[in-house]
Amino acid sequence: MADARVAPDNTPSMDLRGIPFQPTRHHGVAIHFYYSDRERGHAAVMIKMAPGSSYPRHRHKGAEELLILQGGYRDELGEHRAGEFVRYEDGSTHHPVALPGEDCVFFAIAQEGIELL
């Protein structure tokens, strides 16, 4: 479990360096599952992408919502950076590529999974 702490003003915080990411078969991309139901395709995950790394083009089988916590990435919709919320609708496709600089880290909730294209 990531190191969850409380800031001096009682605001919860999390040290992203403490998340136990696992490498994926995609170079520079790591993942940590908070929840996964493979049968239904539901998942809540934290994903880390090294600068310049990419995730293959894929189609969303249901909506996916994500919050970028660090760094950023670009795809067909433009550039997305830390602090931004992004929603992909059912049937949408994209090919995310991490921006230069620091790792891109985001929390995502997938409703029905994805299909690699």
PDB file of N, CA and C in Angstrom:
ATOM      1  N   MET A   1       0.853  -1.169   0.000  1.00  0.00           N
ATOM      2  CA  MET A   1       0.000   0.000   0.000  1.00  0.00           C
ATOM      3  C   MET A   1       0.896   1.228   0.000  1.00  0.00           C
ATOM      4  N   ALA A   2       0.495   2.250  -0.733  1.00  0.00           N
ATOM      5  CA  ALA A   2       1.251   3.491  -0.778  1.00  0.00           C
ATOM      6  C   ALA A   2       1.251   4.138   0.599  1.00  0.00           C
ATOM      7  N   ASP A   3       2.250   4.930   0.839  1.00  0.00           N
ATOM      8  CA  ASP A   3       2.396   5.616   2.111  1.00  0.00           C
ATOM      9  C   ASP A   3       1.388   6.759   2.191  1.00  0.00           C
ATOM     10  N   ALA A   4       0.242   6.517   2.824  1.00  0.00           N
ATOM     11  CA  ALA A   4      -0.770   7.557   3.002  1.00  0.00           C
ATOM     12  C   ALA A   4      -0.470   8.285   4.299  1.00  0.00           C
ATOM     13  N   ARG A   5      -0.492   9.606   4.235  1.00  0.00           N
ATOM     14  CA  ARG A   5      -0.182  10.421   5.400  1.00  0.00           C
ATOM     15  C   ARG A   5      -1.198  11.540   5.526  1.00  0.00           C
ATOM     16  N   VAL A   6      -1.119  12.253   6.620  1.00  0.00           N
ATOM     17  CA  VAL A   6      -1.955  13.428   6.822  1.00  0.00           C
ATOM     18  C   VAL A   6      -1.027  14.624   6.935  1.00  0.00           C
ATOM     19  N   ALA A   7      -1.290  15.650   6.117  1.00  0.00           N
ATOM     20  CA  ALA A   7      -0.487  16.868   6.137  1.00  0.00           C
ATOM     21  C   ALA A   7      -0.777  17.645   7.421  1.00  0.00           C
ATOM     22  N   PRO A   8       0.078  18.629   7.752  1.00  0.00           N
ATOM     23  CA  PRO A   8      -0.134  19.401   8.978  1.00  0.00           C
ATOM     24  C   PRO A   8      -1.535  20.016   9.086  1.00  0.00           C
ATOM     25  N   ASP A   9      -2.162  20.329   7.963  1.00  0.00           N
ATOM     26  CA  ASP A   9      -3.509  20.922   8.018  1.00  0.00           C
ATOM     27  C   ASP A   9      -4.601  19.851   7.969  1.00  0.00           C
ATOM     28  N   ASN A  10      -4.235  18.586   8.246  1.00  0.00           N
ATOM     29  CA  ASN A  10      -5.153  17.433   8.249  1.00  0.00           C
ATOM     30  C   ASN A  10      -5.663  17.035   6.870  1.00  0.00           C
ATOM     31  N   THR A  11      -5.017  17.505   5.810  1.00  0.00           N
ATOM     32  CA  THR A  11      -5.366  17.101   4.455  1.00  0.00           C
ATOM     33  C   THR A  11      -4.661  15.779   4.154  1.00  0.00           C
ATOM     34  N   PRO A  12      -5.408  14.723   3.772  1.00  0.00           N
ATOM     35  CA  PRO A  12      -4.744  13.456   3.434  1.00  0.00           C
ATOM     36  C   PRO A  12      -3.795  13.648   2.253  1.00  0.00           C
ATOM     37  N   SER A  13      -2.677  12.960   2.280  1.00  0.00           N
ATOM     38  CA  SER A  13      -1.733  13.014   1.168  1.00  0.00           C
ATOM     39  C   SER A  13      -1.204  11.612   0.900  1.00  0.00           C
ATOM     40  N   MET A  14      -0.569  11.436  -0.250  1.00  0.00           N
ATOM     41  CA  MET A  14      -0.029  10.132  -0.618  1.00  0.00           C
ATOM     42  C   MET A  14       1.317  10.341  -1.284  1.00  0.00           C
ATOM     43  N   ASP A  15       2.282   9.531  -0.925  1.00  0.00           N
ATOM     44  CA  ASP A  15       3.597   9.567  -1.540  1.00  0.00           C
ATOM     45  C   ASP A  15       3.567   8.642  -2.752  1.00  0.00           C
ATOM     46  N   LEU A  16       3.581   9.216  -3.956  1.00  0.00           N
ATOM     47  CA  LEU A  16       3.512   8.409  -5.178  1.00  0.00           C
ATOM     48  C   LEU A  16       4.692   7.453  -5.300  1.00  0.00           C
ATOM     49  N   ARG A  17       5.803   7.775  -4.645  1.00  0.00           N
ATOM     50  CA  ARG A  17       6.983   6.899  -4.703  1.00  0.00           C
ATOM     51  C   ARG A  17       6.765   5.597  -3.949  1.00  0.00           C
ATOM     52  N   GLY A  18       5.754   5.548  -3.066  1.00  0.00           N
ATOM     53  CA  GLY A  18       5.507   4.351  -2.267  1.00  0.00           C
ATOM     54  C   GLY A  18       4.535   3.366  -2.888  1.00  0.00           C
ATOM     55  N   ILE A  19       4.009   3.663  -4.056  1.00  0.00           N
ATOM     56  CA  ILE A  19       3.037   2.770  -4.695  1.00  0.00           C
ATOM     57  C   ILE A  19       3.780   1.572  -5.292  1.00  0.00           C
ATOM     58  N   PRO A  20       3.345   0.350  -5.003  1.00  0.00           N
ATOM     59  CA  PRO A  20       4.040  -0.845  -5.505  1.00  0.00           C
ATOM     60  C   PRO A  20       3.675  -1.164  -6.962  1.00  0.00           C
ATOM     61  N   PHE A  21       4.146  -0.319  -7.876  1.00  0.00           N
ATOM     62  CA  PHE A  21       3.883  -0.534  -9.302  1.00  0.00           C
ATOM     63  C   PHE A  21       4.524  -1.831  -9.779  1.00  0.00           C
ATOM     64  N   GLN A  22       3.851  -2.501 -10.703  1.00  0.00           N
ATOM     65  CA  GLN A  22       4.373  -3.705 -11.346  1.00  0.00           C
ATOM     66  C   GLN A  22       4.588  -3.400 -12.826  1.00  0.00           C
ATOM     67  N   PRO A  23       5.719  -3.821 -13.389  1.00  0.00           N
ATOM     68  CA  PRO A  23       5.943  -3.563 -14.815  1.00  0.00           C
ATOM     69  C   PRO A  23       4.907  -4.280 -15.672  1.00  0.00           C
ATOM     70  N   THR A  24       4.628  -3.714 -16.829  1.00  0.00           N
ATOM     71  CA  THR A  24       3.749  -4.352 -17.808  1.00  0.00           C
ATOM     72  C   THR A  24       4.609  -4.826 -18.971  1.00  0.00           C
ATOM     73  N   ARG A  25       3.996  -5.443 -19.952  1.00  0.00           N
ATOM     74  CA  ARG A  25       4.750  -5.882 -21.139  1.00  0.00           C
ATOM     75  C   ARG A  25       5.053  -4.712 -22.075  1.00  0.00           C
ATOM     76  N   HIS A  26       4.555  -3.532 -21.735  1.00  0.00           N
ATOM     77  CA  HIS A  26       4.776  -2.333 -22.545  1.00  0.00           C
ATOM     78  C   HIS A  26       5.903  -1.521 -21.904  1.00  0.00           C
ATOM     79  N   HIS A  27       7.010  -1.374 -22.628  1.00  0.00           N
ATOM     80  CA  HIS A  27       8.215  -0.731 -22.109  1.00  0.00           C
ATOM     81  C   HIS A  27       7.901   0.633 -21.480  1.00  0.00           C
ATOM     82  N   GLY A  28       8.343   0.805 -20.229  1.00  0.00           N
ATOM     83  CA  GLY A  28       8.190   2.081 -19.544  1.00  0.00           C
ATOM     84  C   GLY A  28       6.844   2.304 -18.892  1.00  0.00           C
ATOM     85  N   VAL A  29       5.956   1.306 -18.944  1.00  0.00           N
ATOM     86  CA  VAL A  29       4.614   1.441 -18.365  1.00  0.00           C
ATOM     87  C   VAL A  29       4.470   0.450 -17.211  1.00  0.00           C
ATOM     88  N   ALA A  30       4.050   0.957 -16.050  1.00  0.00           N
ATOM     89  CA  ALA A  30       3.844   0.119 -14.866  1.00  0.00           C
ATOM     90  C   ALA A  30       2.446   0.385 -14.312  1.00  0.00           C
ATOM     91  N   ILE A  31       1.927  -0.584 -13.549  1.00  0.00           N
ATOM     92  CA  ILE A  31       0.552  -0.488 -13.068  1.00  0.00           C
ATOM     93  C   ILE A  31       0.440  -1.011 -11.638  1.00  0.00           C
ATOM     94  N   HIS A  32      -0.508  -0.459 -10.907  1.00  0.00           N
ATOM     95  CA  HIS A  32      -0.878  -0.981  -9.587  1.00  0.00           C
ATOM     96  C   HIS A  32      -2.396  -1.082  -9.560  1.00  0.00           C
ATOM     97  N   PHE A  33      -2.910  -2.290  -9.311  1.00  0.00           N
ATOM     98  CA  PHE A  33      -4.359  -2.513  -9.258  1.00  0.00           C
ATOM     99  C   PHE A  33      -4.870  -2.283  -7.841  1.00  0.00           C
ATOM    100  N   TYR A  34      -5.841  -1.397  -7.705  1.00  0.00           N
ATOM    101  CA  TYR A  34      -6.551  -1.234  -6.435  1.00  0.00           C
ATOM    102  C   TYR A  34      -7.769  -2.144  -6.424  1.00  0.00           C
ATOM    103  N   TYR A  35      -8.327  -2.372  -7.604  1.00  0.00           N
ATOM    104  CA  TYR A  35      -9.505  -3.235  -7.753  1.00  0.00           C
ATOM    105  C   TYR A  35      -9.520  -3.738  -9.185  1.00  0.00           C
ATOM    106  N   SER A  36      -9.898  -4.993  -9.380  1.00  0.00           N
ATOM    107  CA  SER A  36     -10.011  -5.534 -10.730  1.00  0.00           C
ATOM    108  C   SER A  36     -11.033  -6.663 -10.758  1.00  0.00           C
ATOM    109  N   ASP A  37     -11.957  -6.569 -11.691  1.00  0.00           N
ATOM    110  CA  ASP A  37     -12.938  -7.624 -11.944  1.00  0.00           C
ATOM    111  C   ASP A  37     -12.819  -7.940 -13.432  1.00  0.00           C
ATOM    112  N   ARG A  38     -11.955  -8.891 -13.759  1.00  0.00           N
ATOM    113  CA  ARG A  38     -11.683  -9.206 -15.168  1.00  0.00           C
ATOM    114  C   ARG A  38     -12.926  -9.670 -15.915  1.00  0.00           C
ATOM    115  N   GLU A  39     -13.818 -10.355 -15.230  1.00  0.00           N
ATOM    116  CA  GLU A  39     -15.034 -10.858 -15.878  1.00  0.00           C
ATOM    117  C   GLU A  39     -15.883  -9.714 -16.429  1.00  0.00           C
ATOM    118  N   ARG A  40     -16.004  -8.650 -15.666  1.00  0.00           N
ATOM    119  CA  ARG A  40     -16.819  -7.510 -16.103  1.00  0.00           C
ATOM    120  C   ARG A  40     -15.987  -6.396 -16.722  1.00  0.00           C
ATOM    121  N   GLY A  41     -14.668  -6.479 -16.582  1.00  0.00           N
ATOM    122  CA  GLY A  41     -13.802  -5.455 -17.152  1.00  0.00           C
ATOM    123  C   GLY A  41     -13.662  -4.218 -16.290  1.00  0.00           C
ATOM    124  N   HIS A  42     -14.134  -4.274 -15.068  1.00  0.00           N
ATOM    125  CA  HIS A  42     -14.028  -3.121 -14.169  1.00  0.00           C
ATOM    126  C   HIS A  42     -12.650  -3.112 -13.517  1.00  0.00           C
ATOM    127  N   ALA A  43     -12.086  -1.920 -13.376  1.00  0.00           N
ATOM    128  CA  ALA A  43     -10.794  -1.816 -12.701  1.00  0.00           C
ATOM    129  C   ALA A  43     -10.588  -0.405 -12.175  1.00  0.00           C
ATOM    130  N   ALA A  44      -9.865  -0.317 -11.067  1.00  0.00           N
ATOM    131  CA  ALA A  44      -9.377   0.949 -10.518  1.00  0.00           C
ATOM    132  C   ALA A  44      -7.873   0.772 -10.391  1.00  0.00           C
ATOM    133  N   VAL A  45      -7.116   1.578 -11.120  1.00  0.00           N
ATOM    134  CA  VAL A  45      -5.673   1.376 -11.214  1.00  0.00           C
ATOM    135  C   VAL A  45      -4.909   2.690 -11.116  1.00  0.00           C
ATOM    136  N   MET A  46      -3.653   2.568 -10.715  1.00  0.00           N
ATOM    137  CA  MET A  46      -2.704   3.666 -10.805  1.00  0.00           C
ATOM    138  C   MET A  46      -1.720   3.240 -11.885  1.00  0.00           C
ATOM    139  N   ILE A  47      -1.465   4.114 -12.837  1.00  0.00           N
ATOM    140  CA  ILE A  47      -0.558   3.804 -13.938  1.00  0.00           C
ATOM    141  C   ILE A  47       0.576   4.815 -13.947  1.00  0.00           C
ATOM    142  N   LYS A  48       1.785   4.316 -14.194  1.00  0.00           N
ATOM    143  CA  LYS A  48       2.963   5.179 -14.309  1.00  0.00           C
ATOM    144  C   LYS A  48       3.603   4.926 -15.665  1.00  0.00           C
ATOM    145  N   MET A  49       3.840   6.012 -16.399  1.00  0.00           N
ATOM    146  CA  MET A  49       4.483   5.927 -17.709  1.00  0.00           C
ATOM    147  C   MET A  49       5.764   6.758 -17.671  1.00  0.00           C
ATOM    148  N   ALA A  50       6.887   6.146 -18.031  1.00  0.00           N
ATOM    149  CA  ALA A  50       8.150   6.871 -18.102  1.00  0.00           C
ATOM    150  C   ALA A  50       8.065   7.900 -19.230  1.00  0.00           C
ATOM    151  N   PRO A  51       8.809   9.006 -19.124  1.00  0.00           N
ATOM    152  CA  PRO A  51       8.785  10.011 -20.188  1.00  0.00           C
ATOM    153  C   PRO A  51       9.058   9.376 -21.552  1.00  0.00           C
ATOM    154  N   GLY A  52       8.222   9.695 -22.531  1.00  0.00           N
ATOM    155  CA  GLY A  52       8.379   9.180 -23.888  1.00  0.00           C
ATOM    156  C   GLY A  52       7.800   7.802 -24.123  1.00  0.00           C
ATOM    157  N   SER A  53       7.412   7.097 -23.065  1.00  0.00           N
ATOM    158  CA  SER A  53       6.831   5.761 -23.254  1.00  0.00           C
ATOM    159  C   SER A  53       5.396   5.893 -23.748  1.00  0.00           C
ATOM    160  N   SER A  54       4.877   4.805 -24.284  1.00  0.00           N
ATOM    161  CA  SER A  54       3.510   4.858 -24.812  1.00  0.00           C
ATOM    162  C   SER A  54       2.766   3.574 -24.480  1.00  0.00           C
ATOM    163  N   TYR A  55       1.460   3.694 -24.516  1.00  0.00           N
ATOM    164  CA  TYR A  55       0.584   2.535 -24.353  1.00  0.00           C
ATOM    165  C   TYR A  55      -0.059   2.304 -25.714  1.00  0.00           C
ATOM    166  N   PRO A  56      -0.206   1.063 -26.154  1.00  0.00           N
ATOM    167  CA  PRO A  56      -0.738   0.803 -27.494  1.00  0.00           C
ATOM    168  C   PRO A  56      -2.123   1.428 -27.715  1.00  0.00           C
ATOM    169  N   ARG A  57      -2.387   1.734 -28.969  1.00  0.00           N
ATOM    170  CA  ARG A  57      -3.718   2.233 -29.334  1.00  0.00           C
ATOM    171  C   ARG A  57      -4.741   1.208 -28.854  1.00  0.00           C
ATOM    172  N   HIS A  58      -5.806   1.718 -28.255  1.00  0.00           N
ATOM    173  CA  HIS A  58      -6.837   0.820 -27.734  1.00  0.00           C
ATOM    174  C   HIS A  58      -8.209   1.480 -27.799  1.00  0.00           C
ATOM    175  N   ARG A  59      -9.221   0.625 -27.738  1.00  0.00           N
ATOM    176  CA  ARG A  59     -10.620   1.063 -27.763  1.00  0.00           C
ATOM    177  C   ARG A  59     -11.222   0.778 -26.391  1.00  0.00           C
ATOM    178  N   HIS A  60     -11.974   1.739 -25.904  1.00  0.00           N
ATOM    179  CA  HIS A  60     -12.648   1.570 -24.616  1.00  0.00           C
ATOM    180  C   HIS A  60     -13.979   0.862 -24.822  1.00  0.00           C
ATOM    181  N   LYS A  61     -14.188  -0.226 -24.075  1.00  0.00           N
ATOM    182  CA  LYS A  61     -15.446  -0.980 -24.161  1.00  0.00           C
ATOM    183  C   LYS A  61     -16.526  -0.354 -23.290  1.00  0.00           C
ATOM    184  N   GLY A  62     -16.143   0.550 -22.448  1.00  0.00           N
ATOM    185  CA  GLY A  62     -17.038   1.319 -21.586  1.00  0.00           C
ATOM    186  C   GLY A  62     -16.311   2.600 -21.251  1.00  0.00           C
ATOM    187  N   ALA A  63     -16.936   3.467 -20.507  1.00  0.00           N
ATOM    188  CA  ALA A  63     -16.296   4.727 -20.144  1.00  0.00           C
ATOM    189  C   ALA A  63     -15.072   4.480 -19.263  1.00  0.00           C
ATOM    190  N   GLU A  64     -14.091   5.365 -19.397  1.00  0.00           N
ATOM    191  CA  GLU A  64     -12.923   5.363 -18.520  1.00  0.00           C
ATOM    192  C   GLU A  64     -12.702   6.794 -18.054  1.00  0.00           C
ATOM    193  N   GLU A  65     -12.450   6.939 -16.772  1.00  0.00           N
ATOM    194  CA  GLU A  65     -12.191   8.257 -16.207  1.00  0.00           C
ATOM    195  C   GLU A  65     -10.847   8.218 -15.511  1.00  0.00           C
ATOM    196  N   LEU A  66     -10.072   9.297 -15.688  1.00  0.00           N
ATOM    197  CA  LEU A  66      -8.778   9.317 -15.034  1.00  0.00           C
ATOM    198  C   LEU A  66      -8.426  10.704 -14.541  1.00  0.00           C
ATOM    199  N   LEU A  67      -7.597  10.734 -13.508  1.00  0.00           N
ATOM    200  CA  LEU A  67      -7.088  11.967 -12.926  1.00  0.00           C
ATOM    201  C   LEU A  67      -5.571  11.895 -12.975  1.00  0.00           C
ATOM    202  N   ILE A  68      -4.968  12.867 -13.638  1.00  0.00           N
ATOM    203  CA  ILE A  68      -3.514  12.886 -13.768  1.00  0.00           C
ATOM    204  C   ILE A  68      -2.927  13.527 -12.511  1.00  0.00           C
ATOM    205  N   LEU A  69      -2.027  12.805 -11.867  1.00  0.00           N
ATOM    206  CA  LEU A  69      -1.444  13.250 -10.601  1.00  0.00           C
ATOM    207  C   LEU A  69      -0.057  13.848 -10.757  1.00  0.00           C
ATOM    208  N   GLN A  70       0.659  13.438 -11.804  1.00  0.00           N
ATOM    209  CA  GLN A  70       2.032  13.902 -12.015  1.00  0.00           C
ATOM    210  C   GLN A  70       2.341  13.820 -13.495  1.00  0.00           C
ATOM    211  N   GLY A  71       3.134  14.746 -14.008  1.00  0.00           N
ATOM    212  CA  GLY A  71       3.539  14.707 -15.409  1.00  0.00           C
ATOM    213  C   GLY A  71       2.363  14.900 -16.336  1.00  0.00           C
ATOM    214  N   GLY A  72       2.400  14.205 -17.469  1.00  0.00           N
ATOM    215  CA  GLY A  72       1.314  14.313 -18.427  1.00  0.00           C
ATOM    216  C   GLY A  72       1.528  13.398 -19.612  1.00  0.00           C
ATOM    217  N   TYR A  73       0.550  13.396 -20.513  1.00  0.00           N
ATOM    218  CA  TYR A  73       0.643  12.607 -21.739  1.00  0.00           C
ATOM    219  C   TYR A  73      -0.117  13.323 -22.847  1.00  0.00           C
ATOM    220  N   ARG A  74       0.133  12.878 -24.067  1.00  0.00           N
ATOM    221  CA  ARG A  74      -0.611  13.419 -25.208  1.00  0.00           C
ATOM    222  C   ARG A  74      -1.279  12.258 -25.928  1.00  0.00           C
ATOM    223  N   ASP A  75      -2.387  12.564 -26.561  1.00  0.00           N
ATOM    224  CA  ASP A  75      -3.082  11.598 -27.405  1.00  0.00           C
ATOM    225  C   ASP A  75      -3.853  12.380 -28.456  1.00  0.00           C
ATOM    226  N   GLU A  76      -4.796  11.733 -29.109  1.00  0.00           N
ATOM    227  CA  GLU A  76      -5.548  12.373 -30.187  1.00  0.00           C
ATOM    228  C   GLU A  76      -6.369  13.572 -29.715  1.00  0.00           C
ATOM    229  N   LEU A  77      -6.632  13.668 -28.432  1.00  0.00           N
ATOM    230  CA  LEU A  77      -7.405  14.794 -27.893  1.00  0.00           C
ATOM    231  C   LEU A  77      -6.530  15.973 -27.491  1.00  0.00           C
ATOM    232  N   GLY A  78      -5.206  15.787 -27.477  1.00  0.00           N
ATOM    233  CA  GLY A  78      -4.296  16.866 -27.084  1.00  0.00           C
ATOM    234  C   GLY A  78      -3.398  16.448 -25.940  1.00  0.00           C
ATOM    235  N   GLU A  79      -2.897  17.459 -25.209  1.00  0.00           N
ATOM    236  CA  GLU A  79      -2.035  17.202 -24.057  1.00  0.00           C
ATOM    237  C   GLU A  79      -2.854  17.269 -22.780  1.00  0.00           C
ATOM    238  N   HIS A  80      -2.545  16.367 -21.871  1.00  0.00           N
ATOM    239  CA  HIS A  80      -3.234  16.283 -20.587  1.00  0.00           C
ATOM    240  C   HIS A  80      -2.158  16.312 -19.506  1.00  0.00           C
ATOM    241  N   ARG A  81      -2.337  17.187 -18.504  1.00  0.00           N
ATOM    242  CA  ARG A  81      -1.292  17.394 -17.493  1.00  0.00           C
ATOM    243  C   ARG A  81      -1.813  17.215 -16.072  1.00  0.00           C
ATOM    244  N   ALA A  82      -0.866  17.173 -15.132  1.00  0.00           N
ATOM    245  CA  ALA A  82      -1.196  16.980 -13.715  1.00  0.00           C
ATOM    246  C   ALA A  82      -2.323  17.913 -13.285  1.00  0.00           C
ATOM    247  N   GLY A  83      -3.270  17.337 -12.562  1.00  0.00           N
ATOM    248  CA  GLY A  83      -4.414  18.093 -12.068  1.00  0.00           C
ATOM    249  C   GLY A  83      -5.626  18.029 -12.973  1.00  0.00           C
ATOM    250  N   GLU A  84      -5.470  17.471 -14.169  1.00  0.00           N
ATOM    251  CA  GLU A  84      -6.584  17.399 -15.123  1.00  0.00           C
ATOM    252  C   GLU A  84      -7.336  16.077 -15.001  1.00  0.00           C
ATOM    253  N   PHE A  85      -8.637  16.170 -15.217  1.00  0.00           N
ATOM    254  CA  PHE A  85      -9.536  15.016 -15.260  1.00  0.00           C
ATOM    255  C   PHE A  85      -9.864  14.761 -16.722  1.00  0.00           C
ATOM    256  N   VAL A  86      -9.773  13.514 -17.161  1.00  0.00           N
ATOM    257  CA  VAL A  86     -10.057  13.154 -18.555  1.00  0.00           C
ATOM    258  C   VAL A  86     -11.055  12.004 -18.557  1.00  0.00           C
ATOM    259  N   ARG A  87     -12.032  12.080 -19.452  1.00  0.00           N
ATOM    260  CA  ARG A  87     -13.024  11.002 -19.592  1.00  0.00           C
ATOM    261  C   ARG A  87     -13.031  10.537 -21.043  1.00  0.00           C
ATOM    262  N   TYR A  88     -12.954   9.223 -21.223  1.00  0.00           N
ATOM    263  CA  TYR A  88     -13.059   8.603 -22.541  1.00  0.00           C
ATOM    264  C   TYR A  88     -14.374   7.836 -22.576  1.00  0.00           C
ATOM    265  N   GLU A  89     -15.158   8.082 -23.602  1.00  0.00           N
ATOM    266  CA  GLU A  89     -16.473   7.453 -23.719  1.00  0.00           C
ATOM    267  C   GLU A  89     -16.363   6.047 -24.300  1.00  0.00           C
ATOM    268  N   ASP A  90     -17.384   5.266 -24.097  1.00  0.00           N
ATOM    269  CA  ASP A  90     -17.507   3.931 -24.671  1.00  0.00           C
ATOM    270  C   ASP A  90     -17.264   4.006 -26.177  1.00  0.00           C
ATOM    271  N   GLY A  91     -16.375   3.166 -26.689  1.00  0.00           N
ATOM    272  CA  GLY A  91     -16.089   3.118 -28.117  1.00  0.00           C
ATOM    273  C   GLY A  91     -14.983   4.049 -28.572  1.00  0.00           C
ATOM    274  N   SER A  92     -14.534   4.950 -27.711  1.00  0.00           N
ATOM    275  CA  SER A  92     -13.470   5.877 -28.108  1.00  0.00           C
ATOM    276  C   SER A  92     -12.134   5.134 -28.191  1.00  0.00           C
ATOM    277  N   THR A  93     -11.237   5.649 -29.028  1.00  0.00           N
ATOM    278  CA  THR A  93      -9.906   5.062 -29.174  1.00  0.00           C
ATOM    279  C   THR A  93      -8.858   6.147 -28.955  1.00  0.00           C
ATOM    280  N   HIS A  94      -7.685   5.727 -28.473  1.00  0.00           N
ATOM    281  CA  HIS A  94      -6.566   6.670 -28.361  1.00  0.00           C
ATOM    282  C   HIS A  94      -5.268   5.911 -28.147  1.00  0.00           C
ATOM    283  N   HIS A  95      -4.175   6.664 -28.277  1.00  0.00           N
ATOM    284  CA  HIS A  95      -2.818   6.122 -28.154  1.00  0.00           C
ATOM    285  C   HIS A  95      -2.015   7.097 -27.288  1.00  0.00           C
ATOM    286  N   PRO A  96      -2.001   6.909 -25.960  1.00  0.00           N
ATOM    287  CA  PRO A  96      -1.302   7.848 -25.081  1.00  0.00           C
ATOM    288  C   PRO A  96       0.218   7.694 -25.126  1.00  0.00           C
ATOM    289  N   VAL A  97       0.906   8.856 -25.143  1.00  0.00           N
ATOM    290  CA  VAL A  97       2.367   8.909 -25.113  1.00  0.00           C
ATOM    291  C   VAL A  97       2.754   9.884 -24.000  1.00  0.00           C
ATOM    292  N   ALA A  98       3.564   9.436 -23.047  1.00  0.00           N
ATOM    293  CA  ALA A  98       3.971  10.284 -21.922  1.00  0.00           C
ATOM    294  C   ALA A  98       4.814  11.455 -22.412  1.00  0.00           C
ATOM    295  N   LEU A  99       4.578  12.621 -21.830  1.00  0.00           N
ATOM    296  CA  LEU A  99       5.332  13.820 -22.171  1.00  0.00           C
ATOM    297  C   LEU A  99       6.749  13.732 -21.613  1.00  0.00           C
ATOM    298  N   PRO A 100       7.685  14.500 -22.205  1.00  0.00           N
ATOM    299  CA  PRO A 100       9.051  14.536 -21.670  1.00  0.00           C
ATOM    300  C   PRO A 100       9.067  15.114 -20.255  1.00  0.00           C
ATOM    301  N   GLY A 101      10.144  14.872 -19.534  1.00  0.00           N
ATOM    302  CA  GLY A 101      10.296  15.425 -18.186  1.00  0.00           C
ATOM    303  C   GLY A 101      10.146  14.357 -17.136  1.00  0.00           C
ATOM    304  N   GLU A 102       9.114  14.478 -16.308  1.00  0.00           N
ATOM    305  CA  GLU A 102       8.913  13.517 -15.228  1.00  0.00           C
ATOM    306  C   GLU A 102       7.949  12.411 -15.638  1.00  0.00           C
ATOM    307  N   ASP A 103       7.915  11.349 -14.823  1.00  0.00           N
ATOM    308  CA  ASP A 103       6.963  10.264 -15.065  1.00  0.00           C
ATOM    309  C   ASP A 103       5.544  10.811 -15.095  1.00  0.00           C
ATOM    310  N   CYS A 104       4.708  10.203 -15.913  1.00  0.00           N
ATOM    311  CA  CYS A 104       3.278  10.499 -15.923  1.00  0.00           C
ATOM    312  C   CYS A 104       2.614   9.472 -15.010  1.00  0.00           C
ATOM    313  N   VAL A 105       1.906   9.952 -13.988  1.00  0.00           N
ATOM    314  CA  VAL A 105       1.212   9.061 -13.056  1.00  0.00           C
ATOM    315  C   VAL A 105      -0.247   9.481 -13.016  1.00  0.00           C
ATOM    316  N   PHE A 106      -1.139   8.518 -13.223  1.00  0.00           N
ATOM    317  CA  PHE A 106      -2.567   8.843 -13.150  1.00  0.00           C
ATOM    318  C   PHE A 106      -3.358   7.695 -12.541  1.00  0.00           C
ATOM    319  N   PHE A 107      -4.484   8.068 -11.935  1.00  0.00           N
ATOM    320  CA  PHE A 107      -5.429   7.119 -11.358  1.00  0.00           C
ATOM    321  C   PHE A 107      -6.569   6.980 -12.351  1.00  0.00           C
ATOM    322  N   ALA A 108      -6.943   5.746 -12.692  1.00  0.00           N
ATOM    323  CA  ALA A 108      -7.992   5.519 -13.692  1.00  0.00           C
ATOM    324  C   ALA A 108      -9.014   4.513 -13.193  1.00  0.00           C
ATOM    325  N   ILE A 109     -10.255   4.747 -13.591  1.00  0.00           N
ATOM    326  CA  ILE A 109     -11.339   3.803 -13.337  1.00  0.00           C
ATOM    327  C   ILE A 109     -11.927   3.425 -14.686  1.00  0.00           C
ATOM    328  N   ALA A 110     -11.856   2.140 -15.019  1.00  0.00           N
ATOM    329  CA  ALA A 110     -12.386   1.622 -16.285  1.00  0.00           C
ATOM    330  C   ALA A 110     -13.674   0.860 -16.001  1.00  0.00           C
ATOM    331  N   GLN A 111     -14.692   1.131 -16.803  1.00  0.00           N
ATOM    332  CA  GLN A 111     -16.000   0.504 -16.594  1.00  0.00           C
ATOM    333  C   GLN A 111     -16.135  -0.865 -17.258  1.00  0.00           C
ATOM    334  N   GLU A 112     -15.572  -1.043 -18.428  1.00  0.00           N
ATOM    335  CA  GLU A 112     -15.757  -2.309 -19.154  1.00  0.00           C
ATOM    336  C   GLU A 112     -14.477  -2.828 -19.794  1.00  0.00           C
ATOM    337  N   GLY A 113     -13.346  -2.268 -19.462  1.00  0.00           N
ATOM    338  CA  GLY A 113     -12.093  -2.741 -20.028  1.00  0.00           C
ATOM    339  C   GLY A 113     -11.768  -2.104 -21.367  1.00  0.00           C
ATOM    340  N   ILE A 114     -10.688  -2.601 -21.980  1.00  0.00           N
ATOM    341  CA  ILE A 114     -10.229  -2.071 -23.260  1.00  0.00           C
ATOM    342  C   ILE A 114      -9.937  -3.215 -24.219  1.00  0.00           C
ATOM    343  N   GLU A 115      -9.797  -2.846 -25.488  1.00  0.00           N
ATOM    344  CA  GLU A 115      -9.404  -3.786 -26.540  1.00  0.00           C
ATOM    345  C   GLU A 115      -8.209  -3.176 -27.256  1.00  0.00           C
ATOM    346  N   LEU A 116      -7.047  -3.857 -27.232  1.00  0.00           N
ATOM    347  CA  LEU A 116      -5.882  -3.359 -27.953  1.00  0.00           C
ATOM    348  C   LEU A 116      -6.136  -3.468 -29.445  1.00  0.00           C
ATOM    349  N   LEU A 117      -5.726  -2.447 -30.176  1.00  0.00           N
ATOM    350  CA  LEU A 117      -5.955  -2.421 -31.631  1.00  0.00           C
ATOM    351  C   LEU A 117      -4.673  -2.673 -32.392  1.00  0.00           C
TER     352      LEU A 117
END
